[in-house]
Amino acid sequence: MNKALIFDCDGVLADTERDGHLVAFNQMWREHGVDWQWSLEQYAEKVKIGGGKERMFSLRQDEDFRAVYPVPESEEAWWNIVTGWHKRKSAIYKELISSGAIPGRPGIKRLAESALANGWLLAVGSTSAIASVKAVLYQVMGVELASQFAGVFAGDMVKAKKPAPDIYNLAVAQLNLDPANCIVVEDSRNGLLAATAAGISCIVTYNDLTKDEDFSEAAIVISDFGEPGNESITIAQNLTQAKPNQYFSVDDLEQVLVN
């Protein structure tokens, strides 16, 4: 059965949470005349909630937000407002991605190319809107490589978002995979829990928003995949037989799968 490497999108393919989504949320509120801006620290807490609409929906419980915006009592009315905001936020985000302002994380394209050349299927499993995910995928990987991904699973394809395993269960089912032959790359505890619940080994590449989270269930936790000739990657945890040195290679990927 095929081996598969399944990437999360935000924070894995690129630092899109900090440099993309947060920027887009704040610009959207300015455009709508809403006196509200998320700081990096506040957003680090919000990313623990899967989905952009869900993050904004949670503001109805925030007394500071309610002090600057008249949140309707009806959940349906509030959801309709949030949905409208999210549509504009997504458009801003796609503009940011298309501008090339957010580069791919170190080693992400190199590892995808090597894995594909060595017979691995490639896919994406994300809680973000599918249009946003595809925008990042094509920007980071390039059209030729991105078009060879076996599947992009995202957004509202499943009802329950991470940490529920639904998006990874869907990928496994639709691509006819065995979870034991798959590896997920995540950057957050929610993503790690989703992969683990789906029975899939998980590599974590942490970032500034997630570096202090608990990744104890991960097969290996690293700063990024690195590049030959660049500074060596940092290995925070390694429960596998992989022995990455300066960068993480497809041989290391095979060792994670063996584990």
Protein backbone atom coordinates (compact mmCIF):
# COMPACT_ATOMS: atom_id res chain seq x y z
CA MET A 1 0.00 0.00 0.00
CA ASN A 2 1.12 3.55 -0.74
CA LYS A 3 3.08 5.60 1.76
CA ALA A 4 1.70 9.09 2.28
CA LEU A 5 3.05 12.34 3.67
CA ILE A 6 0.20 14.61 4.77
CA PHE A 7 0.95 18.22 5.59
CA ASP A 8 -1.07 20.58 7.70
CA CYS A 9 -1.16 23.99 6.02
CA ASP A 10 -0.94 26.98 8.36
CA GLY A 11 2.30 27.07 10.32
CA VAL A 12 3.64 24.02 8.46
CA LEU A 13 3.86 25.00 4.79
CA ALA A 14 4.55 28.61 5.80
CA ASP A 15 4.26 30.84 8.87
CA THR A 16 0.82 31.86 7.71
CA GLU A 17 -0.80 32.15 11.12
CA ARG A 18 1.48 34.95 12.32
CA ASP A 19 2.23 36.64 9.01
CA GLY A 20 -1.01 35.93 7.15
CA HIS A 21 -4.15 35.12 9.11
CA LEU A 22 -3.44 37.47 12.03
CA VAL A 23 -2.64 40.32 9.64
CA ALA A 24 -5.79 39.61 7.62
CA PHE A 25 -8.08 39.44 10.67
CA ASN A 26 -6.81 42.77 11.94
CA GLN A 27 -7.05 44.48 8.54
CA MET A 28 -10.61 43.17 8.10
CA TRP A 29 -11.71 44.66 11.43
CA ARG A 30 -10.16 48.01 10.53
CA GLU A 31 -12.01 47.99 7.23
CA HIS A 32 -15.29 47.24 9.02
CA GLY A 33 -14.73 49.97 11.58
CA VAL A 34 -14.54 47.49 14.46
CA ASP A 35 -12.27 48.78 17.23
CA TRP A 36 -10.55 45.46 17.79
CA GLN A 37 -7.08 44.08 17.04
CA TRP A 38 -5.61 40.76 18.12
CA SER A 39 -2.08 40.94 19.51
CA LEU A 40 0.32 38.10 18.76
CA GLU A 41 -0.14 36.84 22.34
CA GLN A 42 -3.93 36.89 22.07
CA TYR A 43 -3.83 35.15 18.71
CA ALA A 44 -1.52 32.46 20.08
CA GLU A 45 -4.43 31.48 22.34
CA LYS A 46 -6.99 31.71 19.53
CA VAL A 47 -5.08 29.35 17.24
CA LYS A 48 -5.91 26.62 19.75
CA ILE A 49 -9.44 26.86 18.31
CA GLY A 50 -9.68 25.12 14.95
CA GLY A 51 -11.05 27.29 12.15
CA GLY A 52 -11.08 31.02 11.53
CA LYS A 53 -14.84 31.45 11.80
CA GLU A 54 -14.80 29.51 15.04
CA ARG A 55 -12.07 31.76 16.45
CA MET A 56 -14.14 34.86 15.74
CA PHE A 57 -17.32 33.21 17.00
CA SER A 58 -15.63 32.69 20.38
CA LEU A 59 -15.40 36.48 20.79
CA ARG A 60 -19.04 36.54 21.89
CA GLN A 61 -17.73 35.29 25.28
CA ASP A 62 -15.02 37.98 25.45
CA GLU A 63 -16.07 40.89 27.67
CA ASP A 64 -13.42 43.18 26.20
CA PHE A 65 -14.72 42.53 22.71
CA ARG A 66 -18.35 42.99 23.78
CA ALA A 67 -17.36 46.38 25.18
CA VAL A 68 -16.41 47.59 21.67
CA TYR A 69 -18.94 45.69 19.54
CA PRO A 70 -22.68 45.01 20.06
CA VAL A 71 -22.69 41.21 19.81
CA PRO A 72 -26.25 39.96 19.13
CA GLU A 73 -27.73 37.52 21.63
CA SER A 74 -28.81 35.17 18.86
CA GLU A 75 -26.08 32.68 17.98
CA GLU A 76 -27.44 32.46 14.44
CA ALA A 77 -27.28 36.24 13.99
CA TRP A 78 -23.73 36.31 15.38
CA TRP A 79 -22.68 33.44 13.11
CA ASN A 80 -24.02 35.35 10.09
CA ILE A 81 -21.92 38.38 11.03
CA VAL A 82 -18.84 36.24 11.57
CA THR A 83 -19.37 34.51 8.22
CA GLY A 84 -19.46 37.86 6.45
CA TRP A 85 -16.31 39.02 8.21
CA HIS A 86 -14.58 35.76 7.39
CA LYS A 87 -15.34 36.11 3.69
CA ARG A 88 -13.52 39.46 3.58
CA LYS A 89 -10.72 38.22 5.83
CA SER A 90 -10.15 35.26 3.47
CA ALA A 91 -9.92 37.59 0.48
CA ILE A 92 -7.30 39.72 2.25
CA TYR A 93 -5.40 36.58 3.21
CA LYS A 94 -5.35 35.26 -0.36
CA GLU A 95 -4.03 38.63 -1.54
CA LEU A 96 -1.19 38.36 0.99
CA ILE A 97 -0.34 34.84 -0.15
CA SER A 98 -0.48 35.73 -3.85
CA SER A 99 1.89 38.64 -3.26
CA GLY A 100 4.61 36.18 -2.26
CA ALA A 101 5.11 38.03 1.02
CA ILE A 102 5.04 34.81 3.05
CA PRO A 103 7.77 32.31 2.07
CA GLY A 104 7.59 28.58 2.64
CA ARG A 105 9.16 27.21 5.81
CA PRO A 106 12.73 25.90 5.50
CA GLY A 107 12.98 22.51 3.81
CA ILE A 108 9.26 22.05 3.19
CA LYS A 109 9.43 22.05 -0.61
CA ARG A 110 12.69 20.09 -0.69
CA LEU A 111 11.23 17.31 1.47
CA ALA A 112 8.01 17.18 -0.55
CA GLU A 113 9.98 16.85 -3.80
CA SER A 114 12.20 14.11 -2.33
CA ALA A 115 9.25 12.20 -0.89
CA LEU A 116 7.39 12.32 -4.21
CA ALA A 117 10.49 11.14 -6.08
CA ASN A 118 10.74 8.22 -3.65
CA GLY A 119 7.18 7.02 -4.20
CA TRP A 120 5.30 8.82 -1.44
CA LEU A 121 1.86 10.27 -2.02
CA LEU A 122 1.51 13.89 -0.93
CA ALA A 123 -1.59 15.50 0.55
CA VAL A 124 -2.75 18.38 2.73
CA GLY A 125 -5.10 18.12 5.71
CA SER A 126 -6.16 21.46 7.18
CA THR A 127 -9.00 23.12 9.09
CA SER A 128 -8.68 26.30 6.99
CA ALA A 129 -10.89 27.19 4.03
CA ILE A 130 -9.94 25.16 0.98
CA ALA A 131 -9.38 28.22 -1.23
CA SER A 132 -6.90 29.61 1.29
CA VAL A 133 -5.14 26.25 1.63
CA LYS A 134 -4.76 25.87 -2.13
CA ALA A 135 -3.41 29.41 -2.38
CA VAL A 136 -0.67 28.60 0.15
CA LEU A 137 0.06 25.20 -1.38
CA TYR A 138 0.57 26.57 -4.89
CA GLN A 139 2.57 29.57 -3.69
CA VAL A 140 4.93 27.49 -1.52
CA MET A 141 5.28 24.39 -3.68
CA GLY A 142 4.90 25.92 -7.14
CA VAL A 143 2.33 24.87 -9.71
CA GLU A 144 4.20 21.79 -10.98
CA LEU A 145 4.71 20.19 -7.56
CA ALA A 146 1.38 21.31 -6.08
CA SER A 147 -0.51 19.76 -9.00
CA GLN A 148 1.00 16.39 -8.09
CA PHE A 149 -0.53 16.35 -4.60
CA ALA A 150 -2.97 13.46 -4.39
CA GLY A 151 -5.49 15.42 -2.36
CA VAL A 152 -6.25 18.64 -0.52
CA PHE A 153 -8.59 18.08 2.42
CA ALA A 154 -9.68 21.24 4.15
CA GLY A 155 -12.29 23.54 5.63
CA ASP A 156 -15.85 22.32 5.79
CA MET A 157 -15.26 18.92 4.19
CA VAL A 158 -15.71 17.53 7.71
CA LYS A 159 -17.96 18.74 10.51
CA ALA A 160 -15.55 18.37 13.43
CA LYS A 161 -12.26 20.24 13.16
CA LYS A 162 -8.95 19.47 14.84
CA PRO A 163 -8.27 18.13 17.45
CA ALA A 164 -10.91 15.74 16.09
CA PRO A 165 -9.30 13.28 13.63
CA ASP A 166 -11.99 13.71 10.97
CA ILE A 167 -9.91 15.51 8.34
CA TYR A 168 -7.18 12.86 8.50
CA ASN A 169 -9.71 10.03 8.54
CA LEU A 170 -11.20 11.53 5.39
CA ALA A 171 -7.81 11.73 3.68
CA VAL A 172 -7.03 8.11 4.56
CA ALA A 173 -10.42 6.91 3.31
CA GLN A 174 -10.47 8.89 0.06
CA LEU A 175 -6.89 8.04 -0.88
CA ASN A 176 -7.29 4.39 0.17
CA LEU A 177 -4.41 4.57 2.65
CA ASP A 178 -3.36 2.59 5.69
CA PRO A 179 -2.76 4.97 8.63
CA ALA A 180 0.29 2.88 9.54
CA ASN A 181 1.86 3.90 6.21
CA CYS A 182 1.19 7.61 6.68
CA ILE A 183 3.01 10.48 8.36
CA VAL A 184 1.40 13.80 9.25
CA VAL A 185 3.35 17.04 9.64
CA GLU A 186 1.81 19.42 12.17
CA ASP A 187 2.80 22.51 14.13
CA SER A 188 0.26 22.55 16.97
CA ARG A 189 -1.04 20.33 19.75
CA ASN A 190 -4.53 20.30 18.21
CA GLY A 191 -3.08 19.00 14.96
CA LEU A 192 -0.94 16.45 16.78
CA LEU A 193 -3.97 15.17 18.66
CA ALA A 194 -5.94 14.90 15.41
CA ALA A 195 -3.19 12.85 13.76
CA THR A 196 -2.72 10.65 16.83
CA ALA A 197 -6.45 9.96 17.08
CA ALA A 198 -6.41 8.94 13.40
CA GLY A 199 -3.65 6.44 14.17
CA ILE A 200 -1.02 8.31 12.16
CA SER A 201 2.55 9.08 13.25
CA CYS A 202 3.17 12.80 13.54
CA ILE A 203 6.19 15.02 12.96
CA VAL A 204 5.89 18.43 14.62
CA THR A 205 7.68 21.46 13.21
CA TYR A 206 6.96 24.08 15.85
CA ASN A 207 6.88 27.84 15.35
CA ASP A 208 6.71 31.03 17.42
CA LEU A 209 3.02 30.56 18.18
CA THR A 210 3.23 26.89 19.18
CA LYS A 211 6.75 26.33 20.54
CA ASP A 212 5.57 26.10 24.17
CA GLU A 213 2.80 23.56 23.55
CA ASP A 214 2.87 19.93 24.72
CA PHE A 215 4.03 17.65 21.91
CA SER A 216 4.76 14.56 23.98
CA GLU A 217 2.78 12.25 21.63
CA ALA A 218 4.80 13.30 18.57
CA ALA A 219 7.24 10.91 16.91
CA ILE A 220 9.75 13.73 16.52
CA VAL A 221 9.65 17.47 17.27
CA ILE A 222 11.92 19.78 15.28
CA SER A 223 12.31 23.48 14.57
CA ASP A 224 11.83 22.95 10.81
CA PHE A 225 13.07 20.62 8.08
CA GLY A 226 16.14 22.70 7.36
CA GLU A 227 18.18 23.10 4.20
CA PRO A 228 21.66 21.80 3.24
CA GLY A 229 24.19 24.53 3.92
CA ASN A 230 21.98 26.36 6.41
CA GLU A 231 22.09 26.36 10.19
CA SER A 232 21.33 22.93 11.68
CA ILE A 233 17.80 22.21 12.79
CA THR A 234 16.91 21.93 16.48
CA ILE A 235 15.56 18.57 17.67
CA ALA A 236 13.38 19.02 20.76
CA GLN A 237 12.18 15.40 20.96
CA ASN A 238 12.93 12.23 19.03
CA LEU A 239 11.16 8.92 19.71
CA THR A 240 12.21 7.42 16.36
CA GLN A 241 15.23 5.82 14.75
CA ALA A 242 15.69 8.87 12.53
CA LYS A 243 18.97 10.70 13.02
CA PRO A 244 18.64 14.05 11.26
CA ASN A 245 21.76 16.15 11.43
CA GLN A 246 21.81 19.50 9.69
CA TYR A 247 18.46 18.95 7.97
CA PHE A 248 15.63 16.40 7.78
CA SER A 249 15.79 14.07 4.77
CA VAL A 250 13.52 11.54 3.08
CA ASP A 251 15.68 8.83 4.69
CA ASP A 252 14.71 10.27 8.07
CA LEU A 253 11.09 10.18 6.94
CA GLU A 254 11.43 6.46 6.22
CA GLN A 255 12.83 5.90 9.71
CA VAL A 256 9.86 7.68 11.30
CA LEU A 257 7.55 5.35 9.39
CA VAL A 258 9.52 2.28 10.48
CA ASN A 259 9.16 3.40 14.07
